[in-house]
Protein backbone atom coordinates (compact mmCIF):
# COMPACT_ATOMS: atom_id res chain seq x y z
CA UNK A 1 46.34 -67.00 -33.77
CA UNK A 2 46.66 -64.21 -36.29
CA UNK A 3 43.99 -63.50 -38.88
CA UNK A 4 45.16 -63.52 -42.50
CA UNK A 5 44.33 -59.83 -43.14
CA UNK A 6 45.53 -58.52 -39.81
CA UNK A 7 48.78 -56.55 -39.67
CA UNK A 8 49.58 -56.81 -43.36
CA UNK A 9 52.89 -55.22 -44.32
CA UNK A 10 52.89 -51.95 -46.26
CA UNK A 11 54.98 -53.45 -49.05
CA UNK A 12 52.32 -55.99 -50.01
CA UNK A 13 51.50 -55.75 -53.72
CA UNK A 14 48.31 -53.89 -54.60
CA UNK A 15 45.52 -55.57 -56.46
CA UNK A 16 43.98 -54.10 -59.61
CA UNK A 17 40.94 -52.56 -57.89
CA UNK A 18 43.11 -50.86 -55.29
CA UNK A 19 45.05 -49.23 -58.12
CA UNK A 20 41.84 -48.17 -59.91
CA UNK A 21 40.47 -46.58 -56.73
CA UNK A 22 43.76 -44.74 -56.19
CA UNK A 23 43.77 -43.58 -59.83
CA UNK A 24 40.32 -42.06 -59.32
CA UNK A 25 41.12 -40.47 -55.95
CA UNK A 26 44.53 -38.98 -56.75
CA UNK A 27 43.31 -36.26 -59.17
CA UNK A 28 40.45 -35.39 -56.84
CA UNK A 29 42.82 -34.92 -53.89
CA UNK A 30 45.38 -32.97 -55.90
CA UNK A 31 42.89 -30.76 -57.72
CA UNK A 32 40.87 -30.04 -54.57
CA UNK A 33 44.05 -28.62 -53.05
CA UNK A 34 44.67 -26.58 -56.21
CA UNK A 35 41.13 -25.16 -56.08
CA UNK A 36 41.56 -24.22 -52.42
CA UNK A 37 44.78 -22.36 -53.28
CA UNK A 38 42.97 -20.61 -56.15
CA UNK A 39 40.17 -19.52 -53.84
CA UNK A 40 42.34 -18.46 -50.90
CA UNK A 41 45.56 -17.14 -52.40
CA UNK A 42 44.38 -15.75 -55.72
CA UNK A 43 40.93 -14.74 -54.37
CA UNK A 44 39.26 -16.46 -57.31
CA UNK A 45 36.64 -19.16 -57.31
CA UNK A 46 37.57 -20.34 -60.80
CA UNK A 47 36.74 -23.99 -61.29
CA UNK A 48 39.26 -26.23 -62.99
CA UNK A 49 36.45 -27.44 -65.27
CA UNK A 50 36.13 -23.96 -66.78
CA UNK A 51 39.86 -23.93 -67.38
CA UNK A 52 39.67 -27.25 -69.21
CA UNK A 53 36.75 -26.05 -71.36
CA UNK A 54 38.67 -23.03 -72.68
CA UNK A 55 41.13 -25.07 -74.71
CA UNK A 56 41.46 -28.34 -76.55
CA UNK A 57 40.32 -31.46 -74.75
CA UNK A 58 43.85 -32.71 -74.17
CA UNK A 59 45.81 -29.54 -73.53
CA UNK A 60 48.83 -29.35 -71.23
CA UNK A 61 46.68 -28.56 -68.19
CA UNK A 62 44.65 -31.72 -68.71
CA UNK A 63 47.82 -33.77 -68.78
CA UNK A 64 49.35 -32.15 -65.71
CA UNK A 65 46.23 -31.85 -63.56
CA UNK A 66 44.41 -35.06 -64.48
CA UNK A 67 46.46 -37.64 -66.31
CA UNK A 68 49.64 -37.36 -64.20
CA UNK A 69 47.77 -37.86 -60.88
CA UNK A 70 45.82 -40.76 -62.42
CA UNK A 71 49.05 -42.46 -63.45
CA UNK A 72 50.73 -41.78 -60.10
CA UNK A 73 47.66 -43.04 -58.22
CA UNK A 74 47.55 -46.19 -60.33
CA UNK A 75 51.25 -46.89 -59.80
CA UNK A 76 51.35 -46.26 -56.04
CA UNK A 77 47.86 -47.45 -55.02
CA UNK A 78 45.74 -46.24 -52.14
CA UNK A 79 48.60 -46.47 -49.64
CA UNK A 80 50.59 -44.11 -51.85
CA UNK A 81 47.71 -41.64 -52.03
CA UNK A 82 47.34 -41.86 -48.25
CA UNK A 83 51.08 -41.20 -47.89
CA UNK A 84 50.72 -38.21 -50.20
CA UNK A 85 48.01 -36.82 -47.92
CA UNK A 86 50.14 -37.50 -44.86
CA UNK A 87 53.06 -35.65 -46.39
CA UNK A 88 50.83 -32.84 -47.68
CA UNK A 89 49.56 -31.97 -44.22
CA UNK A 90 52.64 -33.14 -42.25
CA UNK A 91 50.57 -35.62 -40.27
CA UNK A 92 52.83 -38.68 -40.46
CA UNK A 93 54.49 -40.09 -37.39
CA UNK A 94 57.83 -38.46 -36.65
CA UNK A 95 59.75 -41.31 -38.25
CA UNK A 96 58.04 -40.68 -41.64
CA UNK A 97 57.89 -36.88 -41.56
CA UNK A 98 59.98 -35.07 -44.13
CA UNK A 99 59.63 -31.32 -44.45
CA UNK A 100 61.29 -31.38 -47.89
CA UNK A 101 58.60 -33.69 -49.30
CA UNK A 102 55.84 -31.56 -47.76
CA UNK A 103 57.40 -28.40 -49.21
CA UNK A 104 57.78 -30.02 -52.65
CA UNK A 105 54.11 -31.09 -52.68
CA UNK A 106 52.89 -27.61 -51.75
CA UNK A 107 55.21 -25.95 -54.26
CA UNK A 108 53.70 -28.19 -56.96
CA UNK A 109 50.17 -27.29 -55.80
CA UNK A 110 50.94 -23.55 -55.78
CA UNK A 111 52.61 -23.75 -59.19
CA UNK A 112 49.60 -25.58 -60.63
CA UNK A 113 47.24 -22.96 -59.19
CA UNK A 114 49.44 -20.14 -60.50
CA UNK A 115 49.55 -21.79 -63.91
CA UNK A 116 45.76 -22.05 -64.02
CA UNK A 117 45.30 -18.46 -62.84
CA UNK A 118 47.86 -16.82 -65.10
CA UNK A 119 48.39 -19.27 -67.93
CA UNK A 120 45.22 -18.55 -69.87
């Protein structure tokens, strides 16, 4: 006999709290990657918080680096954020791997880091 929560399909609708958790985690995951790129590639330890403090509260960087990931995390839920991580580090099973998606994610991360570093 199968338990009710065992082997649930991936297309099951997310509940509200799952979406809230994903909305909180998505900017953290995305911005952590951006900060790593800033530290490694641009040899700067600039914090995104300092970038946000240099301009108006809701400047373009706030929208791109915080609000967009929050909305995406809320829409796709924790499974979507987990898929984003799987694509980011190319750790999915072979049937789900897509080098184009991985490249697109890292291009977005590098562009965000470049924008922070040179857009001030």
